[in-house]
Amino acid sequence: MEKVKHFIINLLIAYILTIIFLCLSATIFAYTNIDDRHLQTFVFGTILLSNLISSTLLSRKIKEKGLIFGGSFGLIYCIILYFITSLAFNNFAFSNTLLIYLAICAISGIIGGVIGVNL
């Protein structure tokens, strides 16, 4: 039960970090001359960083099986994020971008999990 509590808390932390990083990215795009074609890169970076930080924090609390917990955290984070955005835009579509997001979340979760256990 304690692990589930840590999962939920770190999911909330991940989404708060995602909102903060997306606001920073929006500010950067609004006040600089960066071309809009780089927006997808900023979104990928935002998801990667927030997932990496949160899975590291999760693994520091759990202190075991960082590879498994980090990877599962990343996938759960991505699936919930997909459902939230799909509900917001009324569009449940599967695409190559979704697979890229899943891969980024799983890999960054695994890396964060391994880092968190070893800290």
N, C-alpha and C. Protein backbone atom coordinates (compact mmCIF):
# COMPACT_ATOMS: atom_id res chain seq x y z
N MET A 1 0.81 -1.19 0.00
CA MET A 1 0.00 0.00 0.00
C MET A 1 0.86 1.26 0.00
N GLU A 2 1.98 1.16 0.66
CA GLU A 2 2.91 2.30 0.72
C GLU A 2 3.45 2.64 -0.67
N LYS A 3 3.70 1.62 -1.49
CA LYS A 3 4.22 1.85 -2.84
C LYS A 3 3.19 2.53 -3.72
N VAL A 4 1.94 2.17 -3.55
CA VAL A 4 0.86 2.81 -4.33
C VAL A 4 0.76 4.28 -3.96
N LYS A 5 0.90 4.58 -2.68
CA LYS A 5 0.86 5.96 -2.22
C LYS A 5 2.00 6.77 -2.85
N HIS A 6 3.20 6.19 -2.88
CA HIS A 6 4.34 6.86 -3.51
C HIS A 6 4.12 7.04 -5.01
N PHE A 7 3.52 6.05 -5.66
CA PHE A 7 3.21 6.15 -7.09
C PHE A 7 2.28 7.33 -7.35
N ILE A 8 1.22 7.43 -6.58
CA ILE A 8 0.23 8.49 -6.79
C ILE A 8 0.83 9.86 -6.52
N ILE A 9 1.58 9.99 -5.45
CA ILE A 9 2.21 11.27 -5.13
C ILE A 9 3.16 11.68 -6.24
N ASN A 10 3.97 10.74 -6.73
CA ASN A 10 4.93 11.08 -7.77
C ASN A 10 4.26 11.31 -9.12
N LEU A 11 3.12 10.70 -9.37
CA LEU A 11 2.36 11.02 -10.58
C LEU A 11 1.88 12.47 -10.52
N LEU A 12 1.40 12.89 -9.36
CA LEU A 12 0.99 14.28 -9.20
C LEU A 12 2.17 15.23 -9.39
N ILE A 13 3.32 14.86 -8.84
CA ILE A 13 4.52 15.68 -9.02
C ILE A 13 4.89 15.74 -10.50
N ALA A 14 4.79 14.63 -11.19
CA ALA A 14 5.13 14.60 -12.62
C ALA A 14 4.21 15.51 -13.42
N TYR A 15 2.92 15.49 -13.13
CA TYR A 15 2.00 16.34 -13.88
C TYR A 15 2.16 17.82 -13.53
N ILE A 16 2.50 18.12 -12.29
CA ILE A 16 2.78 19.50 -11.91
C ILE A 16 4.03 19.99 -12.63
N LEU A 17 5.07 19.15 -12.68
CA LEU A 17 6.28 19.51 -13.41
C LEU A 17 6.00 19.68 -14.90
N THR A 18 5.15 18.82 -15.46
CA THR A 18 4.79 18.94 -16.86
C THR A 18 4.11 20.27 -17.13
N ILE A 19 3.19 20.66 -16.27
CA ILE A 19 2.50 21.94 -16.45
C ILE A 19 3.48 23.10 -16.36
N ILE A 20 4.39 23.05 -15.40
CA ILE A 20 5.38 24.11 -15.24
C ILE A 20 6.27 24.20 -16.47
N PHE A 21 6.80 23.05 -16.92
CA PHE A 21 7.69 23.06 -18.09
C PHE A 21 6.96 23.49 -19.36
N LEU A 22 5.69 23.11 -19.50
CA LEU A 22 4.92 23.54 -20.68
C LEU A 22 4.65 25.05 -20.64
N CYS A 23 4.42 25.60 -19.46
CA CYS A 23 4.25 27.04 -19.34
C CYS A 23 5.54 27.78 -19.68
N LEU A 24 6.67 27.22 -19.23
CA LEU A 24 7.96 27.82 -19.60
C LEU A 24 8.19 27.75 -21.11
N SER A 25 7.84 26.63 -21.71
CA SER A 25 7.99 26.49 -23.15
C SER A 25 7.09 27.47 -23.89
N ALA A 26 5.87 27.64 -23.41
CA ALA A 26 4.95 28.60 -24.04
C ALA A 26 5.49 30.02 -23.94
N THR A 27 6.09 30.34 -22.79
CA THR A 27 6.68 31.66 -22.62
C THR A 27 7.85 31.86 -23.57
N ILE A 28 8.67 30.84 -23.71
CA ILE A 28 9.81 30.92 -24.63
C ILE A 28 9.32 31.13 -26.05
N PHE A 29 8.31 30.38 -26.46
CA PHE A 29 7.79 30.53 -27.82
C PHE A 29 7.11 31.88 -28.03
N ALA A 30 6.50 32.43 -26.99
CA ALA A 30 5.79 33.70 -27.12
C ALA A 30 6.75 34.89 -27.24
N TYR A 31 7.87 34.83 -26.55
CA TYR A 31 8.74 35.99 -26.47
C TYR A 31 10.06 35.85 -27.21
N THR A 32 10.23 34.81 -27.98
CA THR A 32 11.44 34.66 -28.80
C THR A 32 11.03 34.38 -30.24
N ASN A 33 12.01 34.29 -31.08
CA ASN A 33 11.76 34.04 -32.50
C ASN A 33 11.96 32.57 -32.87
N ILE A 34 11.74 31.67 -31.94
CA ILE A 34 11.90 30.25 -32.24
C ILE A 34 10.76 29.82 -33.15
N ASP A 35 11.11 29.08 -34.17
CA ASP A 35 10.13 28.62 -35.14
C ASP A 35 9.18 27.59 -34.50
N ASP A 36 7.93 27.59 -34.92
CA ASP A 36 6.93 26.69 -34.35
C ASP A 36 7.19 25.22 -34.65
N ARG A 37 8.02 24.94 -35.62
CA ARG A 37 8.31 23.54 -35.93
C ARG A 37 9.10 22.85 -34.82
N HIS A 38 9.63 23.62 -33.89
CA HIS A 38 10.38 23.06 -32.75
C HIS A 38 9.47 22.75 -31.55
N LEU A 39 8.19 23.01 -31.69
CA LEU A 39 7.26 22.81 -30.58
C LEU A 39 7.24 21.35 -30.13
N GLN A 40 7.23 20.43 -31.08
CA GLN A 40 7.18 19.00 -30.74
C GLN A 40 8.42 18.59 -29.93
N THR A 41 9.56 19.16 -30.25
CA THR A 41 10.78 18.87 -29.51
C THR A 41 10.68 19.35 -28.06
N PHE A 42 10.10 20.52 -27.87
CA PHE A 42 9.90 21.04 -26.52
C PHE A 42 8.94 20.15 -25.73
N VAL A 43 7.90 19.66 -26.37
CA VAL A 43 6.94 18.78 -25.69
C VAL A 43 7.61 17.47 -25.31
N PHE A 44 8.39 16.89 -26.23
CA PHE A 44 9.13 15.66 -25.91
C PHE A 44 10.08 15.89 -24.73
N GLY A 45 10.79 17.01 -24.75
CA GLY A 45 11.72 17.33 -23.67
C GLY A 45 11.01 17.54 -22.34
N THR A 46 9.86 18.17 -22.39
CA THR A 46 9.07 18.39 -21.18
C THR A 46 8.63 17.07 -20.56
N ILE A 47 8.12 16.19 -21.39
CA ILE A 47 7.67 14.88 -20.89
C ILE A 47 8.86 14.08 -20.37
N LEU A 48 9.96 14.11 -21.09
CA LEU A 48 11.15 13.38 -20.67
C LEU A 48 11.65 13.88 -19.32
N LEU A 49 11.78 15.19 -19.17
CA LEU A 49 12.32 15.74 -17.92
C LEU A 49 11.40 15.49 -16.73
N SER A 50 10.11 15.74 -16.90
CA SER A 50 9.20 15.55 -15.77
C SER A 50 9.11 14.08 -15.37
N ASN A 51 9.15 13.19 -16.35
CA ASN A 51 9.11 11.76 -16.05
C ASN A 51 10.42 11.30 -15.40
N LEU A 52 11.52 11.79 -15.88
CA LEU A 52 12.83 11.43 -15.33
C LEU A 52 12.95 11.88 -13.87
N ILE A 53 12.57 13.11 -13.59
CA ILE A 53 12.65 13.64 -12.23
C ILE A 53 11.73 12.87 -11.29
N SER A 54 10.50 12.65 -11.74
CA SER A 54 9.52 11.98 -10.87
C SER A 54 9.85 10.52 -10.63
N SER A 55 10.33 9.82 -11.65
CA SER A 55 10.69 8.42 -11.43
C SER A 55 11.95 8.30 -10.56
N THR A 56 12.82 9.28 -10.62
CA THR A 56 13.97 9.29 -9.72
C THR A 56 13.52 9.47 -8.28
N LEU A 57 12.60 10.40 -8.07
CA LEU A 57 12.07 10.61 -6.71
C LEU A 57 11.33 9.38 -6.21
N LEU A 58 10.58 8.72 -7.08
CA LEU A 58 9.86 7.52 -6.70
C LEU A 58 10.82 6.41 -6.28
N SER A 59 11.85 6.20 -7.06
CA SER A 59 12.81 5.13 -6.75
C SER A 59 13.62 5.42 -5.50
N ARG A 60 13.84 6.70 -5.21
CA ARG A 60 14.53 7.04 -3.96
C ARG A 60 13.68 6.67 -2.76
N LYS A 61 12.35 6.80 -2.89
CA LYS A 61 11.46 6.45 -1.79
C LYS A 61 11.31 4.94 -1.64
N ILE A 62 11.15 4.23 -2.76
CA ILE A 62 10.90 2.79 -2.71
C ILE A 62 12.19 2.01 -2.43
N LYS A 63 13.31 2.43 -3.03
CA LYS A 63 14.64 1.88 -2.79
C LYS A 63 14.81 0.43 -3.24
N GLU A 64 14.04 0.00 -4.23
CA GLU A 64 14.23 -1.34 -4.78
C GLU A 64 13.65 -1.39 -6.19
N LYS A 65 14.19 -2.27 -7.01
CA LYS A 65 13.69 -2.56 -8.35
C LYS A 65 13.43 -1.29 -9.16
N GLY A 66 14.44 -0.43 -9.24
CA GLY A 66 14.28 0.83 -9.94
C GLY A 66 13.96 0.67 -11.41
N LEU A 67 14.50 -0.37 -12.03
CA LEU A 67 14.24 -0.62 -13.44
C LEU A 67 12.76 -0.91 -13.68
N ILE A 68 12.19 -1.77 -12.87
CA ILE A 68 10.79 -2.17 -13.04
C ILE A 68 9.84 -1.05 -12.63
N PHE A 69 10.07 -0.48 -11.45
CA PHE A 69 9.18 0.58 -10.98
C PHE A 69 9.29 1.84 -11.84
N GLY A 70 10.48 2.18 -12.28
CA GLY A 70 10.66 3.34 -13.14
C GLY A 70 9.99 3.16 -14.49
N GLY A 71 10.16 1.99 -15.10
CA GLY A 71 9.53 1.74 -16.39
C GLY A 71 8.02 1.70 -16.30
N SER A 72 7.49 1.07 -15.26
CA SER A 72 6.04 1.03 -15.10
C SER A 72 5.49 2.42 -14.77
N PHE A 73 6.24 3.20 -14.01
CA PHE A 73 5.83 4.57 -13.71
C PHE A 73 5.73 5.38 -15.00
N GLY A 74 6.74 5.25 -15.85
CA GLY A 74 6.75 5.98 -17.11
C GLY A 74 5.58 5.60 -18.00
N LEU A 75 5.27 4.32 -18.08
CA LEU A 75 4.15 3.89 -18.91
C LEU A 75 2.81 4.34 -18.34
N ILE A 76 2.64 4.26 -17.03
CA ILE A 76 1.40 4.73 -16.40
C ILE A 76 1.24 6.24 -16.60
N TYR A 77 2.33 6.97 -16.43
CA TYR A 77 2.32 8.42 -16.65
C TYR A 77 1.86 8.73 -18.08
N CYS A 78 2.40 8.02 -19.05
CA CYS A 78 2.09 8.28 -20.45
C CYS A 78 0.64 7.91 -20.77
N ILE A 79 0.17 6.80 -20.26
CA ILE A 79 -1.19 6.35 -20.55
C ILE A 79 -2.21 7.33 -19.95
N ILE A 80 -1.98 7.77 -18.73
CA ILE A 80 -2.89 8.74 -18.12
C ILE A 80 -2.85 10.06 -18.89
N LEU A 81 -1.66 10.49 -19.28
CA LEU A 81 -1.52 11.73 -20.05
C LEU A 81 -2.25 11.61 -21.39
N TYR A 82 -2.17 10.44 -22.02
CA TYR A 82 -2.87 10.22 -23.28
C TYR A 82 -4.38 10.31 -23.10
N PHE A 83 -4.90 9.70 -22.04
CA PHE A 83 -6.35 9.76 -21.81
C PHE A 83 -6.81 11.17 -21.48
N ILE A 84 -6.02 11.91 -20.73
CA ILE A 84 -6.39 13.30 -20.40
C ILE A 84 -6.44 14.15 -21.67
N THR A 85 -5.42 14.05 -22.51
CA THR A 85 -5.41 14.85 -23.74
C THR A 85 -6.48 14.37 -24.72
N SER A 86 -6.75 13.09 -24.76
CA SER A 86 -7.80 12.58 -25.64
C SER A 86 -9.18 13.06 -25.21
N LEU A 87 -9.42 13.09 -23.91
CA LEU A 87 -10.69 13.61 -23.42
C LEU A 87 -10.81 15.11 -23.67
N ALA A 88 -9.71 15.83 -23.53
CA ALA A 88 -9.75 17.27 -23.72
C ALA A 88 -10.02 17.63 -25.18
N PHE A 89 -9.50 16.85 -26.12
CA PHE A 89 -9.66 17.16 -27.54
C PHE A 89 -10.67 16.25 -28.24
N ASN A 90 -11.36 15.38 -27.49
CA ASN A 90 -12.35 14.45 -28.05
C ASN A 90 -11.78 13.66 -29.22
N ASN A 91 -10.57 13.13 -29.04
CA ASN A 91 -9.91 12.44 -30.14
C ASN A 91 -9.09 11.28 -29.59
N PHE A 92 -9.64 10.08 -29.68
CA PHE A 92 -8.89 8.89 -29.27
C PHE A 92 -8.29 8.27 -30.54
N ALA A 93 -7.09 8.69 -30.86
CA ALA A 93 -6.45 8.18 -32.07
C ALA A 93 -5.07 7.62 -31.72
N PHE A 94 -4.73 6.51 -32.35
CA PHE A 94 -3.41 5.92 -32.18
C PHE A 94 -2.54 6.33 -33.35
N SER A 95 -1.32 6.75 -33.06
CA SER A 95 -0.43 7.19 -34.13
C SER A 95 1.01 6.83 -33.77
N ASN A 96 1.89 7.15 -34.68
CA ASN A 96 3.32 6.92 -34.43
C ASN A 96 3.82 7.80 -33.29
N THR A 97 3.24 8.98 -33.15
CA THR A 97 3.65 9.89 -32.09
C THR A 97 3.35 9.29 -30.71
N LEU A 98 2.23 8.60 -30.60
CA LEU A 98 1.90 7.94 -29.33
C LEU A 98 2.94 6.89 -28.98
N LEU A 99 3.38 6.13 -29.97
CA LEU A 99 4.42 5.13 -29.72
C LEU A 99 5.73 5.78 -29.30
N ILE A 100 6.04 6.93 -29.89
CA ILE A 100 7.25 7.65 -29.51
C ILE A 100 7.13 8.14 -28.07
N TYR A 101 5.96 8.67 -27.71
CA TYR A 101 5.74 9.10 -26.32
C TYR A 101 5.87 7.93 -25.35
N LEU A 102 5.29 6.80 -25.69
CA LEU A 102 5.41 5.61 -24.83
C LEU A 102 6.87 5.21 -24.66
N ALA A 103 7.63 5.22 -25.74
CA ALA A 103 9.05 4.85 -25.67
C ALA A 103 9.83 5.85 -24.83
N ILE A 104 9.58 7.14 -25.03
CA ILE A 104 10.28 8.17 -24.26
C ILE A 104 9.96 8.03 -22.78
N CYS A 105 8.68 7.82 -22.46
CA CYS A 105 8.28 7.70 -21.05
C CYS A 105 8.87 6.44 -20.41
N ALA A 106 8.85 5.34 -21.14
CA ALA A 106 9.40 4.10 -20.58
C ALA A 106 10.90 4.21 -20.36
N ILE A 107 11.61 4.73 -21.34
CA ILE A 107 13.07 4.84 -21.24
C ILE A 107 13.47 5.84 -20.16
N SER A 108 12.82 7.01 -20.14
CA SER A 108 13.18 7.99 -19.11
C SER A 108 12.78 7.50 -17.73
N GLY A 109 11.68 6.75 -17.63
CA GLY A 109 11.30 6.17 -16.34
C GLY A 109 12.30 5.15 -15.86
N ILE A 110 12.79 4.31 -16.79
CA ILE A 110 13.81 3.30 -16.44
C ILE A 110 15.09 3.98 -15.97
N ILE A 111 15.52 4.99 -16.72
CA ILE A 111 16.75 5.69 -16.35
C ILE A 111 16.59 6.38 -15.00
N GLY A 112 15.45 7.04 -14.80
CA GLY A 112 15.20 7.70 -13.51
C GLY A 112 15.10 6.70 -12.38
N GLY A 113 14.49 5.54 -12.64
CA GLY A 113 14.41 4.50 -11.62
C GLY A 113 15.76 3.98 -11.21
N VAL A 114 16.63 3.75 -12.17
CA VAL A 114 17.98 3.26 -11.87
C VAL A 114 18.77 4.32 -11.11
N ILE A 115 18.64 5.57 -11.53
CA ILE A 115 19.34 6.65 -10.84
C ILE A 115 18.84 6.78 -9.40
N GLY A 116 17.53 6.73 -9.23
CA GLY A 116 16.95 6.91 -7.89
C GLY A 116 17.34 5.82 -6.91
N VAL A 117 17.42 4.58 -7.37
CA VAL A 117 17.82 3.49 -6.49
C VAL A 117 19.27 3.64 -6.07
N ASN A 118 20.10 4.14 -6.97
CA ASN A 118 21.54 4.21 -6.70
C ASN A 118 21.97 5.50 -6.01
N LEU A 119 21.05 6.40 -5.72
CA LEU A 119 21.41 7.63 -5.01
C LEU A 119 21.46 7.41 -3.52
